């Protein structure tokens, strides 16, 4: 993995400071061009939808969107929990990151893997479609973060690891705790997922503060929007 050790403030684990090894490298809002013109937009995990893409529970489909106020117009539905466009791509230019911002970007890859792996485990344990669908969304998010790591010559901390395995011991311990919590019952699994999405929202909000690199900012804002939709989807499932 690399050469520089940086402590990522309060990022990553709901307020826990995490030390992440990162390589030297350089790395700002989401523009509508994050989505190809023909792709479904970043709908909303609400019954009314936000875009013509994922609506209730992040799916694609038929319920009416928000109308003129919709972020990208169009339709949403109750069909799934995809949470974002399957072909999201980075369209902004590279910029410059501080050492802490580089460490943050590296940690983001571990966070996305944590969410993906946790939801995969819960999807195998429970008949709850939201886990499988949002797991697919997290897989796309991880791919975006990996693209940023490659752009800036940063080592991918998730490379070569199996499901449920993490290089950072603090991330590993956090995953193990959440997995144990969610293994108790379906409701506990939903609560663990809610904790993950709240953590992601907090961390991405902090990461965006002072961030100027256009491409990294574009991706973080995309991930933040998706996490807010995922949180809403899990909150609805918690009431079922």
C-alpha atoms as a PDB file:
ATOM      1  CA  UNK A   1       0.000   0.000   0.000  1.00  0.00           C
ATOM      2  CA  UNK A   2       2.160   2.971   0.436  1.00  0.00           C
ATOM      3  CA  UNK A   3       4.143   5.629   1.868  1.00  0.00           C
ATOM      4  CA  UNK A   4       2.243   8.318   3.693  1.00  0.00           C
ATOM      5  CA  UNK A   5       0.260   7.794   6.892  1.00  0.00           C
ATOM      6  CA  UNK A   6      -2.441  10.334   7.656  1.00  0.00           C
ATOM      7  CA  UNK A   7      -5.074  10.482  10.366  1.00  0.00           C
ATOM      8  CA  UNK A   8      -8.440  11.224   8.830  1.00  0.00           C
ATOM      9  CA  UNK A   9      -9.909  13.423  11.507  1.00  0.00           C
ATOM     10  CA  UNK A  10     -13.382  12.261  12.440  1.00  0.00           C
ATOM     11  CA  UNK A  11     -14.012  10.536   9.128  1.00  0.00           C
ATOM     12  CA  UNK A  12     -15.053   7.054   8.389  1.00  0.00           C
ATOM     13  CA  UNK A  13     -16.582   5.400  11.355  1.00  0.00           C
ATOM     14  CA  UNK A  14     -19.223   7.547  12.918  1.00  0.00           C
ATOM     15  CA  UNK A  15     -16.783   9.787  14.717  1.00  0.00           C
ATOM     16  CA  UNK A  16     -13.804   7.452  15.103  1.00  0.00           C
ATOM     17  CA  UNK A  17     -10.477   8.739  13.930  1.00  0.00           C
ATOM     18  CA  UNK A  18      -8.982   6.338  11.402  1.00  0.00           C
ATOM     19  CA  UNK A  19      -5.395   6.100  10.300  1.00  0.00           C
ATOM     20  CA  UNK A  20      -5.247   5.235   6.616  1.00  0.00           C
ATOM     21  CA  UNK A  21      -2.097   4.667   4.551  1.00  0.00           C
ATOM     22  CA  UNK A  22      -2.196   6.626   1.305  1.00  0.00           C
ATOM     23  CA  UNK A  23       0.158   7.362  -1.531  1.00  0.00           C
ATOM     24  CA  UNK A  24       1.132  10.849  -2.593  1.00  0.00           C
ATOM     25  CA  UNK A  25      -1.109  12.188  -5.357  1.00  0.00           C
ATOM     26  CA  UNK A  26      -3.497  14.948  -6.332  1.00  0.00           C
ATOM     27  CA  UNK A  27      -7.022  15.000  -6.609  1.00  0.00           C
ATOM     28  CA  UNK A  28     -15.522  19.555  -6.803  1.00  0.00           C
ATOM     29  CA  UNK A  29     -20.860  20.406  -7.345  1.00  0.00           C
ATOM     30  CA  UNK A  30     -22.225  17.460  -9.036  1.00  0.00           C
ATOM     31  CA  UNK A  31     -23.185  18.543 -12.505  1.00  0.00           C
ATOM     32  CA  UNK A  32     -25.994  16.951 -14.425  1.00  0.00           C
ATOM     33  CA  UNK A  33     -23.296  15.553 -16.704  1.00  0.00           C
ATOM     34  CA  UNK A  34     -22.415  12.932 -14.114  1.00  0.00           C
ATOM     35  CA  UNK A  35     -25.208  11.024 -15.781  1.00  0.00           C
ATOM     36  CA  UNK A  36     -25.237  10.332 -19.508  1.00  0.00           C
ATOM     37  CA  UNK A  37     -28.084  12.100 -21.250  1.00  0.00           C
ATOM     38  CA  UNK A  38     -29.846   8.829 -21.986  1.00  0.00           C
ATOM     39  CA  UNK A  39     -29.410   7.354 -18.527  1.00  0.00           C
ATOM     40  CA  UNK A  40     -31.994   7.349 -15.765  1.00  0.00           C
ATOM     41  CA  UNK A  41     -31.484  10.316 -13.477  1.00  0.00           C
ATOM     42  CA  UNK A  42     -30.705  10.123  -9.780  1.00  0.00           C
ATOM     43  CA  UNK A  43     -34.303   9.538  -8.654  1.00  0.00           C
ATOM     44  CA  UNK A  44     -35.348   9.714  -5.053  1.00  0.00           C
ATOM     45  CA  UNK A  45     -36.036   7.020  -2.495  1.00  0.00           C
ATOM     46  CA  UNK A  46     -39.430   8.525  -1.831  1.00  0.00           C
ATOM     47  CA  UNK A  47     -42.859   7.543  -3.157  1.00  0.00           C
ATOM     48  CA  UNK A  48     -42.902  10.640  -5.346  1.00  0.00           C
ATOM     49  CA  UNK A  49     -39.478  10.048  -6.873  1.00  0.00           C
ATOM     50  CA  UNK A  50     -37.056  12.764  -7.910  1.00  0.00           C
ATOM     51  CA  UNK A  51     -35.807  11.837 -11.320  1.00  0.00           C
ATOM     52  CA  UNK A  52     -36.864   9.623 -14.132  1.00  0.00           C
ATOM     53  CA  UNK A  53     -34.539   7.097 -12.569  1.00  0.00           C
ATOM     54  CA  UNK A  54     -34.709   5.423  -9.166  1.00  0.00           C
ATOM     55  CA  UNK A  55     -37.756   6.376  -7.163  1.00  0.00           C
ATOM     56  CA  UNK A  56     -39.280   4.694  -4.121  1.00  0.00           C
ATOM     57  CA  UNK A  57     -36.592   2.483  -2.579  1.00  0.00           C
ATOM     58  CA  UNK A  58     -34.195   3.639  -5.265  1.00  0.00           C
ATOM     59  CA  UNK A  59     -35.820   1.764  -8.130  1.00  0.00           C
ATOM     60  CA  UNK A  60     -36.717   2.611 -11.704  1.00  0.00           C
ATOM     61  CA  UNK A  61     -40.321   2.756 -12.797  1.00  0.00           C
ATOM     62  CA  UNK A  62     -43.617   4.455 -13.005  1.00  0.00           C
ATOM     63  CA  UNK A  63     -44.753   6.661 -10.128  1.00  0.00           C
ATOM     64  CA  UNK A  64     -44.918  10.373 -10.807  1.00  0.00           C
ATOM     65  CA  UNK A  65     -41.805  12.393 -10.080  1.00  0.00           C
ATOM     66  CA  UNK A  66     -41.708  15.722  -8.266  1.00  0.00           C
ATOM     67  CA  UNK A  67     -42.667  17.634 -11.382  1.00  0.00           C
ATOM     68  CA  UNK A  68     -41.029  20.971 -12.195  1.00  0.00           C
ATOM     69  CA  UNK A  69     -39.075  20.828  -8.952  1.00  0.00           C
ATOM     70  CA  UNK A  70     -37.632  17.397  -9.739  1.00  0.00           C
ATOM     71  CA  UNK A  71     -33.856  17.445  -9.924  1.00  0.00           C
ATOM     72  CA  UNK A  72     -33.725  15.733 -13.279  1.00  0.00           C
ATOM     73  CA  UNK A  73     -37.434  15.411 -14.064  1.00  0.00           C
ATOM     74  CA  UNK A  74     -39.201  12.243 -15.086  1.00  0.00           C
ATOM     75  CA  UNK A  75     -40.437   9.258 -13.162  1.00  0.00           C
ATOM     76  CA  UNK A  76     -39.639   7.087 -10.180  1.00  0.00           C
ATOM     77  CA  UNK A  77     -41.290   3.986  -8.781  1.00  0.00           C
ATOM     78  CA  UNK A  78     -41.489   1.415  -6.032  1.00  0.00           C
ATOM     79  CA  UNK A  79     -39.707  -1.293  -7.971  1.00  0.00           C
ATOM     80  CA  UNK A  80     -36.272  -1.316  -6.444  1.00  0.00           C
ATOM     81  CA  UNK A  81     -33.496   0.249  -4.435  1.00  0.00           C
ATOM     82  CA  UNK A  82     -30.848   0.884  -7.065  1.00  0.00           C
ATOM     83  CA  UNK A  83     -30.234   4.329  -5.643  1.00  0.00           C
ATOM     84  CA  UNK A  84     -28.350   5.818  -8.568  1.00  0.00           C
ATOM     85  CA  UNK A  85     -27.653   5.572 -12.259  1.00  0.00           C
ATOM     86  CA  UNK A  86     -25.920   2.406 -13.335  1.00  0.00           C
ATOM     87  CA  UNK A  87     -23.687   4.257 -15.782  1.00  0.00           C
ATOM     88  CA  UNK A  88     -22.663   7.281 -13.736  1.00  0.00           C
ATOM     89  CA  UNK A  89     -19.343   8.613 -14.967  1.00  0.00           C
ATOM     90  CA  UNK A  90     -16.873  11.253 -13.902  1.00  0.00           C
ATOM     91  CA  UNK A  91     -16.889  14.247 -16.227  1.00  0.00           C
ATOM     92  CA  UNK A  92     -15.042  16.885 -14.200  1.00  0.00           C
ATOM     93  CA  UNK A  93     -11.327  17.671 -14.357  1.00  0.00           C
ATOM     94  CA  UNK A  94      -8.781  16.663 -11.763  1.00  0.00           C
ATOM     95  CA  UNK A  95      -7.583  19.052  -9.090  1.00  0.00           C
ATOM     96  CA  UNK A  96      -5.362  19.064  -6.020  1.00  0.00           C
ATOM     97  CA  UNK A  97      -5.871  17.339  -2.676  1.00  0.00           C
ATOM     98  CA  UNK A  98      -4.225  17.949   0.655  1.00  0.00           C
ATOM     99  CA  UNK A  99      -2.648  15.010   2.458  1.00  0.00           C
ATOM    100  CA  UNK A 100      -5.754  14.631   4.609  1.00  0.00           C
ATOM    101  CA  UNK A 101      -8.000  14.741   1.538  1.00  0.00           C
ATOM    102  CA  UNK A 102      -5.933  11.985  -0.054  1.00  0.00           C
ATOM    103  CA  UNK A 103      -6.331   9.906   3.092  1.00  0.00           C
ATOM    104  CA  UNK A 104     -10.048  10.641   3.016  1.00  0.00           C
ATOM    105  CA  UNK A 105     -10.364   9.441  -0.569  1.00  0.00           C
ATOM    106  CA  UNK A 106      -8.605   6.213   0.328  1.00  0.00           C
ATOM    107  CA  UNK A 107     -10.910   5.718   3.295  1.00  0.00           C
ATOM    108  CA  UNK A 108     -13.952   6.317   1.072  1.00  0.00           C
ATOM    109  CA  UNK A 109     -13.096   3.173  -0.849  1.00  0.00           C
ATOM    110  CA  UNK A 110     -13.145   1.178   2.379  1.00  0.00           C
ATOM    111  CA  UNK A 111     -16.454   2.752   3.405  1.00  0.00           C
ATOM    112  CA  UNK A 112     -18.090   1.861   0.095  1.00  0.00           C
ATOM    113  CA  UNK A 113     -16.778  -1.689   0.361  1.00  0.00           C
ATOM    114  CA  UNK A 114     -18.025  -1.927   3.939  1.00  0.00           C
ATOM    115  CA  UNK A 115     -21.541  -0.942   2.845  1.00  0.00           C
ATOM    116  CA  UNK A 116     -21.486  -3.266  -0.167  1.00  0.00           C
ATOM    117  CA  UNK A 117     -20.200  -6.251   1.787  1.00  0.00           C
ATOM    118  CA  UNK A 118     -22.559  -5.703   4.713  1.00  0.00           C
ATOM    119  CA  UNK A 119     -25.615  -5.437   2.470  1.00  0.00           C
ATOM    120  CA  UNK A 120     -24.511  -8.523   0.546  1.00  0.00           C
ATOM    121  CA  UNK A 121     -24.371 -10.482   3.810  1.00  0.00           C
ATOM    122  CA  UNK A 122     -27.789  -9.237   4.881  1.00  0.00           C
ATOM    123  CA  UNK A 123     -29.261  -9.935   1.440  1.00  0.00           C
ATOM    124  CA  UNK A 124     -28.166 -13.552   1.787  1.00  0.00           C
ATOM    125  CA  UNK A 125     -29.658 -13.781   5.281  1.00  0.00           C
ATOM    126  CA  UNK A 126     -33.006 -12.048   4.847  1.00  0.00           C
ATOM    127  CA  UNK A 127     -35.707 -11.823   2.194  1.00  0.00           C
ATOM    128  CA  UNK A 128     -35.474  -8.034   2.057  1.00  0.00           C
ATOM    129  CA  UNK A 129     -35.016  -6.727  -1.528  1.00  0.00           C
ATOM    130  CA  UNK A 130     -33.633  -3.398  -0.366  1.00  0.00           C
ATOM    131  CA  UNK A 131     -30.343  -5.013   0.668  1.00  0.00           C
ATOM    132  CA  UNK A 132     -29.624  -6.623  -2.669  1.00  0.00           C
ATOM    133  CA  UNK A 133     -30.578  -3.535  -4.648  1.00  0.00           C
ATOM    134  CA  UNK A 134     -28.617  -1.044  -2.580  1.00  0.00           C
ATOM    135  CA  UNK A 135     -25.684  -3.452  -2.551  1.00  0.00           C
ATOM    136  CA  UNK A 136     -25.604  -3.039  -6.350  1.00  0.00           C
ATOM    137  CA  UNK A 137     -25.606   0.725  -5.894  1.00  0.00           C
ATOM    138  CA  UNK A 138     -22.672   0.524  -3.493  1.00  0.00           C
ATOM    139  CA  UNK A 139     -20.784  -1.564  -6.043  1.00  0.00           C
ATOM    140  CA  UNK A 140     -21.134   1.271  -8.565  1.00  0.00           C
ATOM    141  CA  UNK A 141     -20.057   3.795  -5.952  1.00  0.00           C
ATOM    142  CA  UNK A 142     -16.955   1.768  -5.180  1.00  0.00           C
ATOM    143  CA  UNK A 143     -16.129   1.702  -8.894  1.00  0.00           C
ATOM    144  CA  UNK A 144     -16.326   5.512  -9.016  1.00  0.00           C
ATOM    145  CA  UNK A 145     -14.038   5.883  -6.012  1.00  0.00           C
ATOM    146  CA  UNK A 146     -11.595   3.399  -7.507  1.00  0.00           C
ATOM    147  CA  UNK A 147     -11.522   5.503 -10.674  1.00  0.00           C
ATOM    148  CA  UNK A 148     -10.538   8.523  -8.578  1.00  0.00           C
ATOM    149  CA  UNK A 149      -7.834   6.532  -6.810  1.00  0.00           C
ATOM    150  CA  UNK A 150      -6.431   5.545 -10.182  1.00  0.00           C
ATOM    151  CA  UNK A 151      -6.556   9.132 -11.447  1.00  0.00           C
ATOM    152  CA  UNK A 152      -4.429  10.318  -8.577  1.00  0.00           C
ATOM    153  CA  UNK A 153      -2.057   7.430  -8.245  1.00  0.00           C
ATOM    154  CA  UNK A 154      -3.417   6.339  -4.889  1.00  0.00           C
ATOM    155  CA  UNK A 155      -3.277   2.704  -3.866  1.00  0.00           C
ATOM    156  CA  UNK A 156      -6.675   0.979  -3.665  1.00  0.00           C
ATOM    157  CA  UNK A 157      -7.021  -0.349  -0.091  1.00  0.00           C
ATOM    158  CA  UNK A 158      -9.772  -2.738  -1.220  1.00  0.00           C
ATOM    159  CA  UNK A 159      -7.831  -4.385  -4.029  1.00  0.00           C
ATOM    160  CA  UNK A 160      -7.655  -8.162  -3.772  1.00  0.00           C
ATOM    161  CA  UNK A 161      -9.751  -8.416  -0.616  1.00  0.00           C
ATOM    162  CA  UNK A 162     -12.634 -10.839  -0.235  1.00  0.00           C
ATOM    163  CA  UNK A 163     -16.082  -9.908   1.059  1.00  0.00           C
ATOM    164  CA  UNK A 164     -15.895  -8.846   4.693  1.00  0.00           C
ATOM    165  CA  UNK A 165     -12.119  -8.288   4.670  1.00  0.00           C
ATOM    166  CA  UNK A 166     -10.513  -4.867   5.243  1.00  0.00           C
ATOM    167  CA  UNK A 167      -6.948  -3.676   5.569  1.00  0.00           C
ATOM    168  CA  UNK A 168      -7.664  -0.977   8.125  1.00  0.00           C
ATOM    169  CA  UNK A 169      -8.193  -2.730  11.484  1.00  0.00           C
ATOM    170  CA  UNK A 170     -10.627  -0.066  12.675  1.00  0.00           C
ATOM    171  CA  UNK A 171     -12.778  -0.502   9.577  1.00  0.00           C
ATOM    172  CA  UNK A 172     -12.589  -4.272  10.027  1.00  0.00           C
ATOM    173  CA  UNK A 173     -13.740  -4.010  13.642  1.00  0.00           C
ATOM    174  CA  UNK A 174     -16.593  -1.687  12.657  1.00  0.00           C
ATOM    175  CA  UNK A 175     -17.734  -4.085   9.941  1.00  0.00           C
ATOM    176  CA  UNK A 176     -17.586  -7.041  12.327  1.00  0.00           C
ATOM    177  CA  UNK A 177     -19.708  -5.189  14.904  1.00  0.00           C
ATOM    178  CA  UNK A 178     -22.334  -4.210  12.331  1.00  0.00           C
ATOM    179  CA  UNK A 179     -22.434  -7.715  10.879  1.00  0.00           C
ATOM    180  CA  UNK A 180     -22.934  -9.218  14.343  1.00  0.00           C
ATOM    181  CA  UNK A 181     -25.670  -6.693  15.078  1.00  0.00           C
ATOM    182  CA  UNK A 182     -27.485  -7.399  11.837  1.00  0.00           C
ATOM    183  CA  UNK A 183     -27.241 -11.152  12.242  1.00  0.00           C
ATOM    184  CA  UNK A 184     -29.576 -11.033  15.243  1.00  0.00           C
ATOM    185  CA  UNK A 185     -32.731 -10.210  13.288  1.00  0.00           C
ATOM    186  CA  UNK A 186     -34.077  -8.488  10.195  1.00  0.00           C
ATOM    187  CA  UNK A 187     -34.880  -5.389  12.231  1.00  0.00           C
ATOM    188  CA  UNK A 188     -31.343  -5.310  13.616  1.00  0.00           C
ATOM    189  CA  UNK A 189     -29.977  -5.602  10.067  1.00  0.00           C
ATOM    190  CA  UNK A 190     -32.047  -2.611   8.985  1.00  0.00           C
ATOM    191  CA  UNK A 191     -30.778  -0.667  12.000  1.00  0.00           C
ATOM    192  CA  UNK A 192     -27.194  -1.529  11.068  1.00  0.00           C
ATOM    193  CA  UNK A 193     -27.834  -0.322   7.512  1.00  0.00           C
ATOM    194  CA  UNK A 194     -29.294   2.925   8.836  1.00  0.00           C
ATOM    195  CA  UNK A 195     -26.134   3.432  10.898  1.00  0.00           C
ATOM    196  CA  UNK A 196     -23.984   2.900   7.783  1.00  0.00           C
ATOM    197  CA  UNK A 197     -25.907   5.425   5.705  1.00  0.00           C
ATOM    198  CA  UNK A 198     -25.876   8.031   8.479  1.00  0.00           C
ATOM    199  CA  UNK A 199     -22.138   7.507   8.846  1.00  0.00           C
ATOM    200  CA  UNK A 200     -21.654   7.948   5.095  1.00  0.00           C
ATOM    201  CA  UNK A 201     -23.722  11.136   5.050  1.00  0.00           C
ATOM    202  CA  UNK A 202     -21.739  12.623   7.931  1.00  0.00           C
ATOM    203  CA  UNK A 203     -18.395  11.641   6.416  1.00  0.00           C
ATOM    204  CA  UNK A 204     -19.199  12.878   2.919  1.00  0.00           C
ATOM    205  CA  UNK A 205     -20.495  16.182   4.300  1.00  0.00           C
ATOM    206  CA  UNK A 206     -17.209  16.661   6.172  1.00  0.00           C
ATOM    207  CA  UNK A 207     -15.170  15.561   3.173  1.00  0.00           C
ATOM    208  CA  UNK A 208     -16.835  18.175   0.945  1.00  0.00           C
ATOM    209  CA  UNK A 209     -15.869  21.004   3.295  1.00  0.00           C
ATOM    210  CA  UNK A 210     -12.989  22.880   1.669  1.00  0.00           C
ATOM    211  CA  UNK A 211     -12.715  20.400  -1.200  1.00  0.00           C
ATOM    212  CA  UNK A 212     -11.866  22.064  -4.518  1.00  0.00           C
ATOM    213  CA  UNK A 213     -10.884  19.171  -6.800  1.00  0.00           C
ATOM    214  CA  UNK A 214     -13.736  19.170  -9.372  1.00  0.00           C
ATOM    215  CA  UNK A 215     -13.868  15.437 -10.075  1.00  0.00           C
ATOM    216  CA  UNK A 216     -13.655  14.369  -6.439  1.00  0.00           C
ATOM    217  CA  UNK A 217     -16.326  16.889  -5.463  1.00  0.00           C
ATOM    218  CA  UNK A 218     -18.558  15.618  -8.269  1.00  0.00           C
ATOM    219  CA  UNK A 219     -18.304  12.038  -7.054  1.00  0.00           C
ATOM    220  CA  UNK A 220     -18.720  12.888  -3.356  1.00  0.00           C
ATOM    221  CA  UNK A 221     -21.876  14.902  -4.039  1.00  0.00           C
ATOM    222  CA  UNK A 222     -23.221  12.017  -6.105  1.00  0.00           C
ATOM    223  CA  UNK A 223     -22.480   9.599  -3.260  1.00  0.00           C
ATOM    224  CA  UNK A 224     -24.054  11.954  -0.721  1.00  0.00           C
ATOM    225  CA  UNK A 225     -27.250  12.226  -2.753  1.00  0.00           C
ATOM    226  CA  UNK A 226     -27.410   8.440  -3.077  1.00  0.00           C
ATOM    227  CA  UNK A 227     -26.772   7.885   0.640  1.00  0.00           C
ATOM    228  CA  UNK A 228     -29.636  10.213   1.508  1.00  0.00           C
ATOM    229  CA  UNK A 229     -31.901   8.159  -0.748  1.00  0.00           C
ATOM    230  CA  UNK A 230     -30.631   4.895   0.703  1.00  0.00           C
ATOM    231  CA  UNK A 231     -31.276   6.190   4.219  1.00  0.00           C
ATOM    232  CA  UNK A 232     -34.863   7.041   3.265  1.00  0.00           C
ATOM    233  CA  UNK A 233     -35.331   3.568   1.760  1.00  0.00           C
ATOM    234  CA  UNK A 234     -34.036   1.798   4.856  1.00  0.00           C
ATOM    235  CA  UNK A 235     -36.171   4.019   7.089  1.00  0.00           C
ATOM    236  CA  UNK A 236     -39.262   2.907   5.188  1.00  0.00           C
ATOM    237  CA  UNK A 237     -38.259  -0.748   5.547  1.00  0.00           C
ATOM    238  CA  UNK A 238     -37.722  -0.250   9.275  1.00  0.00           C
ATOM    239  CA  UNK A 239     -41.429   0.555   9.562  1.00  0.00           C
ATOM    240  CA  UNK A 240     -42.621  -2.563   7.725  1.00  0.00           C
END
